[in-house]
Amino acid sequence: MVKGCPISVNAQSAASRYRVGVVLALTLTLFGAGCGTFSHYPAGMERTTLEPLRTGRRPDYERIFGARTTGRDGPLFAMEMGRVAQLEGDLGPSRTAFEQAIAAWEAQEDQAVISASGAGAQVSAVLVNDKAIPYRAPSYERTLVHHYQTLNYLATNDLIGAGVEVRRANQVQEAARERHEREIDRARSDTSNMPAGTERDPHLLPVYAGLDEMAGGVKVSFQNAATFYLSGVVWEMLGERNDAYIDYKRALEIFPDNLYLQQDLMRLGKRLGLREDVDDFKRRFPQAQDTPADGTGALAGKARLVVLYEEGLAPAKSEMSVAYPLPSADSIGVVALPVYAAAFPGPVPVSVMVSGRRVGATAPICSVGALAARALAERMPGILTRQVARAVAKGVGAKAAKDSGEEWVELGVVLYNLFSEQADLRSWLTLPAHIHVLSAWVEPGCRRVALRAPVGGDLWGGEVTLKAGTTTLVIVTRIDLAVYSHVIVSP
């Protein structure tokens, strides 16, 4: 990376043209040497990490990620390491890696808006590509780090730590919501005199249409119902029914069709004496209206079983080249944009059996792929701004090289422009594609719990301790041929 060296593309003399050629050639060399940090994304991740996870082989995550969890792109490697370690049951390394990611974000936020390193990264992004910018995790990834860190605390029976972590997750989501609202207000102010529908660049409407289709009903990327639901479960474990009710209600606002959310709100609303809310829920969710108050009727003396079922892997981005007019250069340029090119499969619920009896089927509560598509759509204006600036700079540089009369300079610039135009495909690839939940009240005791596929056969099964009046949490992750699981019994 070249820092603090402005490059003039308006050389007027042979000597200055020569210097331009030398600088560009050196920049090309540095680019080739310096962009390898993520050259393995996503192809290398498939070979080293994702394919082993799919087949049940243990990735050597310490070798793959350990040395890379610091530095410019450390947060992403730390998130990948934390997730893989947790799937393998290595909770200590997982917890440490997630804390590294969180600390890196806080350091990014503490930096000045304009700093030497930040300015250098932005300049490099214009000269090279967006991969020169330090990785900044989108809000949905940050929230899910706290989500999985909560599970690390629960697995070690640290309910207090889990409560702190879900509060941190909620703070991330609330801060992102407030930031989003401010951005909307600014956009409305800036475009108050523009016709409706012109906020998105018309040249990229097909790109936005594809992202909108994949995002489906997800309107914003920074809030997910699965984390709010997990937060509610933790608050109930801690005996904080009011806090649990609030977070279940937040989850329902995001994912209103989930039956278990409806039932949990109904039983807690009745227990807390929230008559107006209960009456509203009865009108909106008639299939949950007979749910008794918490701890009464059919729920008295029962144990609560909560299943978090994670399915598949989050989609990877791919690159799309788009022709784009460059008025300032009076030409048509080509910009490389990250996209989600292929539609990803929808969720497939599974049946949950307790002692051979079906107690229900899991219900989707979060599509991580949809969150990722919406997050990319939200970031696209900034991505396009940098891409167009880069295309203009490269176009002007190519003209200067041609005018120099030096063939090697022109060749170097052409090769540089060709090989440096790459989309930023970085994202947290070991996340699940879909998250499901089930909440059931069953007879206490040591019982066999199994998850059964729609076509028959158990995906997972094990002996689980179910205590009256407490929650047992079963987390099952299925990635193609492999299944990973954790059982957490509330102390």
Foldseek 3Di string as FASTA:
>chain_A
DDFPDDQDLPDDDLVNLVVNLVVLLVVLVCLVVPLPPCPPPPVVCVVQPQVCQQAVHQHPLCVVQVVPLDDLANLLSLCLSLLSCVLVVNLVSNLVSLVSNVVVQVVVVPDDPDDRQQVRLLVVCLQFNNSSHRDDAPQLSNLVSLLVNLVSCLLVLNLVVSLVSLVVSVVSLVVVVVVVVVVVVVLCVVCVVPDPPVSDPPLCVVQLVQLCVQLDPQPALNDFLVSLQVSLQSCVLVVNLVSSLVSLVVLCVRVVVFLVSLQSNLQSCVQVVVVVVLVVSCVVPVVNNPRHHDCDDPQPQWFKEKEKEFEAKADFWDKDWGWDDQVVQRGIFIAIETGRDDRDDDDFWWFKDKQRHTQGIWDWGDFNNSSVSNSSSVCVVVNVVSRSSSRSVLSSSLVSQVVSVDPVSNVSSVVSVVVSRYYDGDDNTRGGRTITMDMGIHNFDFIKMFIAGPVGDTPDIDTAGTGTPFYKYKYWYNHNNDIGIGIRTSD
